[in-house]
Amino acid sequence: MTRDEILEAAAQIFRQKGYHAASMQDIADAVKLQKASLYHHVNSKQDILLALLDRALDLLIEGMEKVLALDLAPEEKLRQAMLVYLQIMLEQRDLSSVLLLEYRSLEPEYRQRHIRRRDLYESLWRNLLVEGAEQGVFKVSDVALVSRFLLGVMNWTITWYREDGPLTPAQLAQECANLFVLGLKRRKSEDEQ
């Protein structure tokens, strides 16, 4: 039994039951360990939650940094960033649910650490929007607000997206990107005013 297998099982249980309703016994049962043996791999339920949140943010930060390193126009970078984000969120639904719904269950010292990392990630989105605005591609009056709208729309796809539905994650990302890119794009008529 590996720590990764324990974390995967815990993410699934936290998604199904919620952090507070899930027990260490539930996690031990899912990975076919005695509860006492589980503690050889993890220190506590808080340790598991923090590890899951770190894992989710690591995936998202790594994906965003790869997109930002590409030599693309801001419009295309935004499309690619949205594609990467939605693919991670939809392919890692257990982990995504924990990230979005369970971070409030962290004890205060862990929560502050997590929020600092989450804020770092969100700053990457703001930087992308600023880059587009500075190049005259996007019209953004409030970067923080627009980045929150953007992430908010994408975050909640995990609650309604169906794998057996009409759109793949890539197609969904494209539709979402079209909506935002067209909405943010500076129009020539605005430049003439």
N, C-alpha and C. Protein backbone atom coordinates (compact mmCIF):
# COMPACT_ATOMS: atom_id res chain seq x y z
N MET A 1 0.85 -1.18 0.00
CA MET A 1 0.00 0.00 0.00
C MET A 1 0.89 1.24 0.00
N THR A 2 0.62 2.15 -0.92
CA THR A 2 1.42 3.37 -0.99
C THR A 2 0.63 4.57 -0.47
N ARG A 3 1.36 5.60 -0.14
CA ARG A 3 0.71 6.85 0.31
C ARG A 3 -0.19 7.40 -0.79
N ASP A 4 0.25 7.30 -2.04
CA ASP A 4 -0.57 7.78 -3.16
C ASP A 4 -1.90 7.06 -3.24
N GLU A 5 -1.89 5.75 -3.02
CA GLU A 5 -3.14 4.99 -3.05
C GLU A 5 -4.06 5.41 -1.90
N ILE A 6 -3.48 5.68 -0.77
CA ILE A 6 -4.27 6.15 0.38
C ILE A 6 -4.89 7.51 0.07
N LEU A 7 -4.09 8.40 -0.52
CA LEU A 7 -4.60 9.73 -0.85
C LEU A 7 -5.72 9.66 -1.90
N GLU A 8 -5.56 8.80 -2.89
CA GLU A 8 -6.61 8.64 -3.90
C GLU A 8 -7.90 8.14 -3.27
N ALA A 9 -7.79 7.17 -2.40
CA ALA A 9 -8.98 6.64 -1.73
C ALA A 9 -9.61 7.71 -0.84
N ALA A 10 -8.78 8.46 -0.14
CA ALA A 10 -9.30 9.51 0.74
C ALA A 10 -10.01 10.59 -0.07
N ALA A 11 -9.46 10.96 -1.21
CA ALA A 11 -10.11 11.98 -2.05
C ALA A 11 -11.50 11.51 -2.47
N GLN A 12 -11.60 10.25 -2.83
CA GLN A 12 -12.90 9.71 -3.24
C GLN A 12 -13.89 9.72 -2.06
N ILE A 13 -13.42 9.33 -0.91
CA ILE A 13 -14.28 9.30 0.28
C ILE A 13 -14.69 10.72 0.69
N PHE A 14 -13.74 11.65 0.67
CA PHE A 14 -14.07 13.04 1.02
C PHE A 14 -15.09 13.61 0.03
N ARG A 15 -14.95 13.25 -1.24
CA ARG A 15 -15.91 13.74 -2.23
C ARG A 15 -17.30 13.16 -1.97
N GLN A 16 -17.35 11.88 -1.63
CA GLN A 16 -18.64 11.21 -1.43
C GLN A 16 -19.32 11.63 -0.12
N LYS A 17 -18.54 11.68 0.96
CA LYS A 17 -19.12 11.90 2.29
C LYS A 17 -18.91 13.30 2.84
N GLY A 18 -17.92 13.99 2.31
CA GLY A 18 -17.49 15.24 2.93
C GLY A 18 -16.42 14.94 3.96
N TYR A 19 -15.55 15.91 4.18
CA TYR A 19 -14.42 15.70 5.09
C TYR A 19 -14.88 15.33 6.50
N HIS A 20 -15.83 16.06 7.04
CA HIS A 20 -16.22 15.85 8.43
C HIS A 20 -16.93 14.52 8.65
N ALA A 21 -17.67 14.05 7.67
CA ALA A 21 -18.38 12.77 7.82
C ALA A 21 -17.47 11.57 7.56
N ALA A 22 -16.38 11.79 6.86
CA ALA A 22 -15.44 10.70 6.57
C ALA A 22 -14.59 10.41 7.81
N SER A 23 -14.26 9.15 7.98
CA SER A 23 -13.43 8.78 9.14
C SER A 23 -12.15 8.10 8.66
N MET A 24 -11.19 8.05 9.54
CA MET A 24 -9.96 7.32 9.23
C MET A 24 -10.29 5.84 9.01
N GLN A 25 -11.29 5.33 9.70
CA GLN A 25 -11.70 3.94 9.49
C GLN A 25 -12.22 3.75 8.06
N ASP A 26 -12.99 4.71 7.55
CA ASP A 26 -13.47 4.64 6.17
C ASP A 26 -12.30 4.54 5.20
N ILE A 27 -11.29 5.35 5.44
CA ILE A 27 -10.12 5.35 4.55
C ILE A 27 -9.36 4.04 4.68
N ALA A 28 -9.16 3.58 5.90
CA ALA A 28 -8.48 2.30 6.12
C ALA A 28 -9.23 1.16 5.43
N ASP A 29 -10.54 1.15 5.56
CA ASP A 29 -11.35 0.10 4.92
C ASP A 29 -11.20 0.15 3.40
N ALA A 30 -11.18 1.35 2.84
CA ALA A 30 -11.09 1.51 1.38
C ALA A 30 -9.78 0.97 0.83
N VAL A 31 -8.72 1.06 1.61
CA VAL A 31 -7.42 0.59 1.14
C VAL A 31 -7.02 -0.75 1.77
N LYS A 32 -7.99 -1.36 2.46
CA LYS A 32 -7.81 -2.69 3.06
C LYS A 32 -6.63 -2.75 4.04
N LEU A 33 -6.61 -1.75 4.91
CA LEU A 33 -5.63 -1.71 5.99
C LEU A 33 -6.36 -1.67 7.32
N GLN A 34 -5.68 -2.12 8.36
CA GLN A 34 -6.19 -1.88 9.71
C GLN A 34 -6.01 -0.39 9.99
N LYS A 35 -6.89 0.16 10.77
CA LYS A 35 -6.81 1.60 11.06
C LYS A 35 -5.45 1.97 11.64
N ALA A 36 -4.93 1.16 12.54
CA ALA A 36 -3.62 1.44 13.14
C ALA A 36 -2.52 1.44 12.08
N SER A 37 -2.62 0.57 11.09
CA SER A 37 -1.62 0.51 10.02
C SER A 37 -1.66 1.75 9.14
N LEU A 38 -2.83 2.33 9.01
CA LEU A 38 -2.97 3.54 8.21
C LEU A 38 -2.06 4.65 8.74
N TYR A 39 -1.91 4.69 10.05
CA TYR A 39 -1.10 5.74 10.67
C TYR A 39 0.41 5.56 10.43
N HIS A 40 0.81 4.46 9.83
CA HIS A 40 2.21 4.31 9.41
C HIS A 40 2.47 5.11 8.14
N HIS A 41 1.40 5.45 7.43
CA HIS A 41 1.50 6.16 6.15
C HIS A 41 1.13 7.63 6.25
N VAL A 42 0.23 7.95 7.16
CA VAL A 42 -0.25 9.34 7.32
C VAL A 42 -0.36 9.65 8.81
N ASN A 43 -0.22 10.92 9.15
CA ASN A 43 -0.28 11.31 10.57
C ASN A 43 -1.69 11.51 11.08
N SER A 44 -2.55 12.05 10.21
CA SER A 44 -3.90 12.40 10.65
C SER A 44 -4.79 12.67 9.44
N LYS A 45 -6.06 12.85 9.71
CA LYS A 45 -6.99 13.20 8.65
C LYS A 45 -6.65 14.59 8.11
N GLN A 46 -6.20 15.50 8.97
CA GLN A 46 -5.76 16.82 8.51
C GLN A 46 -4.56 16.71 7.58
N ASP A 47 -3.65 15.81 7.91
CA ASP A 47 -2.47 15.57 7.07
C ASP A 47 -2.92 15.11 5.68
N ILE A 48 -3.89 14.24 5.64
CA ILE A 48 -4.42 13.76 4.35
C ILE A 48 -5.05 14.91 3.58
N LEU A 49 -5.86 15.70 4.23
CA LEU A 49 -6.53 16.81 3.56
C LEU A 49 -5.51 17.80 3.00
N LEU A 50 -4.54 18.15 3.80
CA LEU A 50 -3.52 19.09 3.33
C LEU A 50 -2.74 18.51 2.16
N ALA A 51 -2.40 17.23 2.22
CA ALA A 51 -1.68 16.59 1.12
C ALA A 51 -2.51 16.61 -0.17
N LEU A 52 -3.81 16.39 -0.04
CA LEU A 52 -4.69 16.42 -1.22
C LEU A 52 -4.78 17.83 -1.80
N LEU A 53 -4.90 18.82 -0.94
CA LEU A 53 -4.96 20.20 -1.41
C LEU A 53 -3.65 20.61 -2.08
N ASP A 54 -2.53 20.19 -1.50
CA ASP A 54 -1.23 20.47 -2.11
C ASP A 54 -1.11 19.80 -3.47
N ARG A 55 -1.56 18.57 -3.54
CA ARG A 55 -1.49 17.83 -4.81
C ARG A 55 -2.31 18.54 -5.89
N ALA A 56 -3.51 18.97 -5.54
CA ALA A 56 -4.36 19.65 -6.51
C ALA A 56 -3.71 20.95 -6.98
N LEU A 57 -3.22 21.74 -6.05
CA LEU A 57 -2.58 23.00 -6.43
C LEU A 57 -1.30 22.76 -7.21
N ASP A 58 -0.54 21.73 -6.86
CA ASP A 58 0.67 21.41 -7.62
C ASP A 58 0.34 21.15 -9.09
N LEU A 59 -0.70 20.36 -9.33
CA LEU A 59 -1.12 20.07 -10.71
C LEU A 59 -1.52 21.34 -11.44
N LEU A 60 -2.32 22.17 -10.79
CA LEU A 60 -2.80 23.39 -11.43
C LEU A 60 -1.68 24.39 -11.68
N ILE A 61 -0.80 24.57 -10.70
CA ILE A 61 0.31 25.51 -10.87
C ILE A 61 1.24 25.03 -11.97
N GLU A 62 1.57 23.75 -11.96
CA GLU A 62 2.45 23.20 -12.99
C GLU A 62 1.85 23.40 -14.38
N GLY A 63 0.56 23.11 -14.52
CA GLY A 63 -0.11 23.28 -15.81
C GLY A 63 -0.11 24.72 -16.26
N MET A 64 -0.40 25.64 -15.35
CA MET A 64 -0.45 27.06 -15.70
C MET A 64 0.94 27.59 -16.05
N GLU A 65 1.95 27.18 -15.31
CA GLU A 65 3.31 27.64 -15.61
C GLU A 65 3.76 27.18 -16.98
N LYS A 66 3.38 25.97 -17.38
CA LYS A 66 3.71 25.49 -18.73
C LYS A 66 3.05 26.35 -19.79
N VAL A 67 1.79 26.70 -19.57
CA VAL A 67 1.08 27.55 -20.53
C VAL A 67 1.72 28.93 -20.59
N LEU A 68 2.03 29.51 -19.45
CA LEU A 68 2.60 30.85 -19.43
C LEU A 68 3.97 30.90 -20.09
N ALA A 69 4.68 29.78 -20.10
CA ALA A 69 6.01 29.73 -20.73
C ALA A 69 5.93 29.64 -22.25
N LEU A 70 4.75 29.34 -22.79
CA LEU A 70 4.60 29.22 -24.24
C LEU A 70 4.68 30.60 -24.90
N ASP A 71 5.22 30.62 -26.10
CA ASP A 71 5.31 31.86 -26.87
C ASP A 71 4.03 32.01 -27.69
N LEU A 72 2.97 32.44 -27.01
CA LEU A 72 1.67 32.59 -27.64
C LEU A 72 1.11 33.97 -27.35
N ALA A 73 0.19 34.40 -28.20
CA ALA A 73 -0.53 35.64 -27.95
C ALA A 73 -1.38 35.46 -26.70
N PRO A 74 -1.66 36.53 -25.97
CA PRO A 74 -2.46 36.42 -24.74
C PRO A 74 -3.80 35.70 -24.94
N GLU A 75 -4.45 35.96 -26.05
CA GLU A 75 -5.74 35.30 -26.32
C GLU A 75 -5.57 33.78 -26.36
N GLU A 76 -4.52 33.32 -27.04
CA GLU A 76 -4.30 31.88 -27.15
C GLU A 76 -3.80 31.31 -25.82
N LYS A 77 -3.01 32.07 -25.09
CA LYS A 77 -2.58 31.61 -23.76
C LYS A 77 -3.78 31.42 -22.85
N LEU A 78 -4.73 32.36 -22.92
CA LEU A 78 -5.93 32.24 -22.09
C LEU A 78 -6.70 30.99 -22.47
N ARG A 79 -6.85 30.74 -23.76
CA ARG A 79 -7.54 29.53 -24.21
C ARG A 79 -6.83 28.27 -23.69
N GLN A 80 -5.51 28.25 -23.82
CA GLN A 80 -4.74 27.08 -23.38
C GLN A 80 -4.81 26.91 -21.86
N ALA A 81 -4.75 28.01 -21.13
CA ALA A 81 -4.83 27.95 -19.67
C ALA A 81 -6.18 27.39 -19.24
N MET A 82 -7.23 27.82 -19.91
CA MET A 82 -8.57 27.32 -19.57
C MET A 82 -8.69 25.84 -19.91
N LEU A 83 -8.12 25.44 -21.03
CA LEU A 83 -8.15 24.03 -21.42
C LEU A 83 -7.43 23.18 -20.38
N VAL A 84 -6.24 23.58 -19.99
CA VAL A 84 -5.47 22.83 -19.00
C VAL A 84 -6.23 22.76 -17.68
N TYR A 85 -6.77 23.88 -17.25
CA TYR A 85 -7.50 23.94 -15.98
C TYR A 85 -8.69 22.99 -15.99
N LEU A 86 -9.52 23.10 -17.02
CA LEU A 86 -10.72 22.26 -17.07
C LEU A 86 -10.38 20.79 -17.22
N GLN A 87 -9.34 20.48 -17.98
CA GLN A 87 -8.96 19.07 -18.11
C GLN A 87 -8.52 18.50 -16.76
N ILE A 88 -7.72 19.25 -16.03
CA ILE A 88 -7.29 18.78 -14.71
C ILE A 88 -8.50 18.63 -13.79
N MET A 89 -9.34 19.64 -13.74
CA MET A 89 -10.50 19.61 -12.84
C MET A 89 -11.45 18.46 -13.16
N LEU A 90 -11.67 18.21 -14.45
CA LEU A 90 -12.63 17.18 -14.83
C LEU A 90 -12.03 15.78 -14.82
N GLU A 91 -10.74 15.67 -15.06
CA GLU A 91 -10.10 14.35 -15.03
C GLU A 91 -9.75 13.93 -13.60
N GLN A 92 -9.64 14.87 -12.71
CA GLN A 92 -9.31 14.60 -11.30
C GLN A 92 -10.47 15.08 -10.42
N ARG A 93 -11.66 14.58 -10.68
CA ARG A 93 -12.85 15.12 -10.03
C ARG A 93 -12.86 14.95 -8.52
N ASP A 94 -12.36 13.84 -8.02
CA ASP A 94 -12.30 13.66 -6.57
C ASP A 94 -11.40 14.73 -5.95
N LEU A 95 -10.22 14.86 -6.53
CA LEU A 95 -9.25 15.84 -6.04
C LEU A 95 -9.79 17.27 -6.19
N SER A 96 -10.43 17.54 -7.30
CA SER A 96 -11.00 18.87 -7.55
C SER A 96 -12.09 19.21 -6.54
N SER A 97 -12.92 18.24 -6.24
CA SER A 97 -13.98 18.46 -5.25
C SER A 97 -13.39 18.79 -3.89
N VAL A 98 -12.35 18.08 -3.52
CA VAL A 98 -11.69 18.36 -2.24
C VAL A 98 -11.12 19.78 -2.26
N LEU A 99 -10.48 20.15 -3.36
CA LEU A 99 -9.89 21.49 -3.46
C LEU A 99 -10.94 22.58 -3.30
N LEU A 100 -12.05 22.42 -3.98
CA LEU A 100 -13.07 23.48 -3.99
C LEU A 100 -13.96 23.49 -2.76
N LEU A 101 -14.22 22.32 -2.19
CA LEU A 101 -15.24 22.22 -1.15
C LEU A 101 -14.72 21.97 0.26
N GLU A 102 -13.54 21.42 0.39
CA GLU A 102 -13.12 20.97 1.71
C GLU A 102 -12.00 21.78 2.36
N TYR A 103 -11.43 22.76 1.66
CA TYR A 103 -10.32 23.51 2.26
C TYR A 103 -10.74 24.22 3.55
N ARG A 104 -12.01 24.55 3.67
CA ARG A 104 -12.49 25.22 4.89
C ARG A 104 -12.39 24.31 6.12
N SER A 105 -12.21 23.02 5.88
CA SER A 105 -12.09 22.07 6.99
C SER A 105 -10.68 22.02 7.57
N LEU A 106 -9.75 22.73 6.94
CA LEU A 106 -8.39 22.77 7.48
C LEU A 106 -8.36 23.55 8.79
N GLU A 107 -7.50 23.10 9.67
CA GLU A 107 -7.26 23.85 10.90
C GLU A 107 -6.60 25.18 10.53
N PRO A 108 -6.78 26.22 11.34
CA PRO A 108 -6.35 27.58 10.95
C PRO A 108 -4.92 27.69 10.42
N GLU A 109 -3.95 27.05 11.07
CA GLU A 109 -2.57 27.22 10.59
C GLU A 109 -2.38 26.58 9.21
N TYR A 110 -3.02 25.44 8.98
CA TYR A 110 -2.95 24.80 7.67
C TYR A 110 -3.73 25.60 6.63
N ARG A 111 -4.85 26.15 7.05
CA ARG A 111 -5.69 26.93 6.12
C ARG A 111 -4.93 28.15 5.60
N GLN A 112 -4.22 28.84 6.49
CA GLN A 112 -3.45 30.01 6.06
C GLN A 112 -2.39 29.62 5.04
N ARG A 113 -1.72 28.52 5.27
CA ARG A 113 -0.71 28.03 4.33
C ARG A 113 -1.34 27.72 2.99
N HIS A 114 -2.48 27.04 3.02
CA HIS A 114 -3.17 26.68 1.78
C HIS A 114 -3.63 27.94 1.04
N ILE A 115 -4.19 28.88 1.76
CA ILE A 115 -4.70 30.10 1.11
C ILE A 115 -3.57 30.88 0.46
N ARG A 116 -2.40 30.90 1.06
CA ARG A 116 -1.24 31.56 0.43
C ARG A 116 -0.89 30.90 -0.90
N ARG A 117 -0.91 29.58 -0.92
CA ARG A 117 -0.61 28.86 -2.17
C ARG A 117 -1.71 29.07 -3.20
N ARG A 118 -2.95 29.05 -2.76
CA ARG A 118 -4.07 29.28 -3.68
C ARG A 118 -4.00 30.70 -4.26
N ASP A 119 -3.66 31.67 -3.42
CA ASP A 119 -3.52 33.04 -3.89
C ASP A 119 -2.40 33.16 -4.92
N LEU A 120 -1.31 32.44 -4.70
CA LEU A 120 -0.22 32.42 -5.67
C LEU A 120 -0.73 31.91 -7.02
N TYR A 121 -1.50 30.82 -6.98
CA TYR A 121 -2.04 30.27 -8.22
C TYR A 121 -2.96 31.28 -8.90
N GLU A 122 -3.84 31.89 -8.14
CA GLU A 122 -4.77 32.86 -8.73
C GLU A 122 -4.02 34.06 -9.31
N SER A 123 -2.87 34.40 -8.75
CA SER A 123 -2.08 35.52 -9.28
C SER A 123 -1.56 35.21 -10.68
N LEU A 124 -1.35 33.94 -10.99
CA LEU A 124 -0.93 33.57 -12.34
C LEU A 124 -2.01 33.93 -13.36
N TRP A 125 -3.27 33.72 -13.00
CA TRP A 125 -4.39 34.10 -13.87
C TRP A 125 -4.45 35.62 -14.02
N ARG A 126 -4.29 36.34 -12.91
CA ARG A 126 -4.32 37.80 -12.99
C ARG A 126 -3.20 38.31 -13.88
N ASN A 127 -2.02 37.72 -13.74
CA ASN A 127 -0.88 38.14 -14.57
C ASN A 127 -1.17 37.92 -16.05
N LEU A 128 -1.82 36.82 -16.38
CA LEU A 128 -2.17 36.54 -17.77
C LEU A 128 -3.14 37.61 -18.30
N LEU A 129 -4.11 37.98 -17.50
CA LEU A 129 -5.06 39.01 -17.91
C LEU A 129 -4.38 40.37 -18.05
N VAL A 130 -3.48 40.69 -17.13
CA VAL A 130 -2.73 41.95 -17.21
C VAL A 130 -1.89 41.98 -18.48
N GLU A 131 -1.24 40.87 -18.79
CA GLU A 131 -0.43 40.79 -20.01
C GLU A 131 -1.28 41.10 -21.24
N GLY A 132 -2.46 40.50 -21.30
CA GLY A 132 -3.36 40.76 -22.43
C GLY A 132 -3.83 42.20 -22.48
N ALA A 133 -4.10 42.79 -21.32
CA ALA A 133 -4.53 44.19 -21.28
C ALA A 133 -3.39 45.12 -21.70
N GLU A 134 -2.19 44.83 -21.22
CA GLU A 134 -1.04 45.68 -21.56
C GLU A 134 -0.71 45.62 -23.05
N GLN A 135 -1.00 44.49 -23.68
CA GLN A 135 -0.75 44.35 -25.12
C GLN A 135 -1.92 44.87 -25.95
N GLY A 136 -2.96 45.37 -25.28
CA GLY A 136 -4.10 45.92 -25.99
C GLY A 136 -5.04 44.88 -26.55
N VAL A 137 -4.92 43.63 -26.08
CA VAL A 137 -5.76 42.54 -26.58
C VAL A 137 -7.05 42.44 -25.77
N PHE A 138 -6.94 42.58 -24.45
CA PHE A 138 -8.09 42.47 -23.55
C PHE A 138 -8.44 43.84 -22.98
N LYS A 139 -9.71 44.03 -22.76
CA LYS A 139 -10.17 45.21 -22.02
C LYS A 139 -10.62 44.70 -20.66
N VAL A 140 -9.83 44.99 -19.64
CA VAL A 140 -10.10 44.50 -18.29
C VAL A 140 -10.01 45.68 -17.33
N SER A 141 -11.13 46.07 -16.76
CA SER A 141 -11.10 47.20 -15.83
C SER A 141 -10.74 46.76 -14.41
N ASP A 142 -11.07 45.52 -14.04
CA ASP A 142 -10.78 45.00 -12.70
C ASP A 142 -10.27 43.56 -12.84
N VAL A 143 -8.97 43.43 -12.86
CA VAL A 143 -8.33 42.13 -13.11
C VAL A 143 -8.72 41.10 -12.06
N ALA A 144 -8.75 41.49 -10.79
CA ALA A 144 -9.10 40.54 -9.72
C ALA A 144 -10.52 40.02 -9.90
N LEU A 145 -11.44 40.91 -10.23
CA LEU A 145 -12.83 40.52 -10.43
C LEU A 145 -12.98 39.58 -11.62
N VAL A 146 -12.36 39.92 -12.73
CA VAL A 146 -12.46 39.09 -13.93
C VAL A 146 -11.84 37.72 -13.68
N SER A 147 -10.71 37.66 -13.00
CA SER A 147 -10.08 36.36 -12.74
C SER A 147 -10.97 35.51 -11.83
N ARG A 148 -11.65 36.15 -10.88
CA ARG A 148 -12.57 35.39 -10.01
C ARG A 148 -13.77 34.88 -10.80
N PHE A 149 -14.31 35.71 -11.69
CA PHE A 149 -15.41 35.25 -12.55
C PHE A 149 -14.96 34.05 -13.37
N LEU A 150 -13.80 34.18 -13.98
CA LEU A 150 -13.28 33.13 -14.85
C LEU A 150 -13.11 31.82 -14.09
N LEU A 151 -12.44 31.88 -12.96
CA LEU A 151 -12.23 30.66 -12.17
C LEU A 151 -13.55 30.13 -11.62
N GLY A 152 -14.43 31.03 -11.21
CA GLY A 152 -15.73 30.60 -10.68
C GLY A 152 -16.54 29.82 -11.69
N VAL A 153 -16.57 30.31 -12.92
CA VAL A 153 -17.31 29.60 -13.97
C VAL A 153 -16.71 28.22 -14.19
N MET A 154 -15.39 28.15 -14.26
CA MET A 154 -14.75 26.86 -14.52
C MET A 154 -14.85 25.93 -13.32
N ASN A 155 -14.74 26.46 -12.11
CA ASN A 155 -14.77 25.62 -10.91
C ASN A 155 -16.03 24.77 -10.84
N TRP A 156 -17.15 25.36 -11.11
CA TRP A 156 -18.40 24.65 -10.86
C TRP A 156 -18.79 23.70 -11.96
N THR A 157 -17.98 23.60 -13.02
CA THR A 157 -18.27 22.58 -14.02
C THR A 157 -18.22 21.19 -13.41
N ILE A 158 -17.44 21.02 -12.35
CA ILE A 158 -17.34 19.68 -11.75
C ILE A 158 -18.67 19.23 -11.16
N THR A 159 -19.58 20.17 -10.90
CA THR A 159 -20.87 19.79 -10.31
C THR A 159 -21.90 19.37 -11.36
N TRP A 160 -21.73 19.82 -12.60
CA TRP A 160 -22.75 19.51 -13.61
C TRP A 160 -22.23 18.78 -14.84
N TYR A 161 -20.91 18.80 -15.07
CA TYR A 161 -20.37 18.14 -16.26
C TYR A 161 -20.55 16.63 -16.16
N ARG A 162 -20.96 16.04 -17.27
CA ARG A 162 -21.14 14.58 -17.33
C ARG A 162 -20.21 14.01 -18.40
N GLU A 163 -19.45 13.01 -18.02
CA GLU A 163 -18.53 12.38 -18.95
C GLU A 163 -19.25 11.77 -20.14
N ASP A 164 -20.49 11.32 -19.92
CA ASP A 164 -21.26 10.72 -21.01
C ASP A 164 -22.11 11.76 -21.74
N GLY A 165 -21.87 13.03 -21.47
CA GLY A 165 -22.61 14.12 -22.12
C GLY A 165 -22.06 14.42 -23.50
N PRO A 166 -22.58 15.46 -24.14
CA PRO A 166 -22.23 15.74 -25.53
C PRO A 166 -20.85 16.36 -25.74
N LEU A 167 -20.21 16.89 -24.69
CA LEU A 167 -18.93 17.57 -24.85
C LEU A 167 -17.81 16.87 -24.10
N THR A 168 -16.65 16.80 -24.74
CA THR A 168 -15.44 16.34 -24.05
C THR A 168 -14.93 17.51 -23.20
N PRO A 169 -14.02 17.24 -22.27
CA PRO A 169 -13.44 18.36 -21.52
C PRO A 169 -12.80 19.41 -22.44
N ALA A 170 -12.15 18.96 -23.51
CA ALA A 170 -11.52 19.91 -24.44
C ALA A 170 -12.57 20.77 -25.13
N GLN A 171 -13.69 20.17 -25.53
CA GLN A 171 -14.75 20.94 -26.18
C GLN A 171 -15.39 21.92 -25.20
N LEU A 172 -15.59 21.48 -23.98
CA LEU A 172 -16.14 22.36 -22.95
C LEU A 172 -15.21 23.54 -22.72
N ALA A 173 -13.91 23.27 -22.63
CA ALA A 173 -12.93 24.34 -22.44
C ALA A 173 -12.98 25.32 -23.61
N GLN A 174 -13.14 24.81 -24.81
CA GLN A 174 -13.20 25.67 -25.99
C GLN A 174 -14.42 26.59 -25.92
N GLU A 175 -15.57 26.04 -25.54
CA GLU A 175 -16.79 26.85 -25.42
C GLU A 175 -16.62 27.92 -24.34
N CYS A 176 -16.07 27.53 -23.22
CA CYS A 176 -15.84 28.46 -22.12
C CYS A 176 -14.84 29.55 -22.54
N ALA A 177 -13.78 29.14 -23.22
CA ALA A 177 -12.77 30.09 -23.69
C ALA A 177 -13.38 31.07 -24.69
N ASN A 178 -14.20 30.57 -25.59
CA ASN A 178 -14.85 31.47 -26.56
C ASN A 178 -15.65 32.55 -25.83
N LEU A 179 -16.40 32.13 -24.84
CA LEU A 179 -17.22 33.07 -24.07
C LEU A 179 -16.36 34.16 -23.44
N PHE A 180 -15.29 33.76 -22.77
CA PHE A 180 -14.46 34.73 -22.07
C PHE A 180 -13.58 35.54 -23.00
N VAL A 181 -12.95 34.89 -23.97
CA VAL A 181 -12.05 35.61 -24.87
C VAL A 181 -12.83 36.66 -25.65
N LEU A 182 -13.98 36.28 -26.18
CA LEU A 182 -14.78 37.26 -26.92
C LEU A 182 -15.28 38.37 -26.01
N GLY A 183 -15.59 38.04 -24.78
CA GLY A 183 -16.05 39.06 -23.84
C GLY A 183 -14.95 40.01 -23.40
N LEU A 184 -13.72 39.53 -23.34
CA LEU A 184 -12.60 40.35 -22.89
C LEU A 184 -11.93 41.13 -24.02
N LYS A 185 -12.14 40.67 -25.24
CA LYS A 185 -11.40 41.23 -26.36
C LYS A 185 -11.74 42.70 -26.57
N ARG A 186 -10.71 43.48 -26.74
CA ARG A 186 -10.88 44.90 -27.04
C ARG A 186 -11.44 45.01 -28.45
N ARG A 187 -12.47 45.83 -28.60
CA ARG A 187 -13.09 46.02 -29.91
C ARG A 187 -12.60 47.31 -30.54
N LYS A 188 -12.49 47.29 -31.86
CA LYS A 188 -12.01 48.49 -32.56
C LYS A 188 -12.90 49.69 -32.29
N SER A 189 -14.20 49.48 -32.21
CA SER A 189 -15.12 50.60 -31.97
C SER A 189 -14.84 51.26 -30.62
N GLU A 190 -14.36 50.49 -29.64
CA GLU A 190 -14.02 51.06 -28.33
C GLU A 190 -12.78 51.94 -28.43
N ASP A 191 -11.86 51.54 -29.31
CA ASP A 191 -10.63 52.33 -29.49
C ASP A 191 -10.92 53.67 -30.14
N GLU A 192 -11.97 53.74 -30.94
CA GLU A 192 -12.31 54.96 -31.67
C GLU A 192 -13.01 55.97 -30.78
N GLN A 193 -13.54 55.54 -29.65
CA GLN A 193 -14.30 56.45 -28.78
C GLN A 193 -13.41 57.35 -27.96
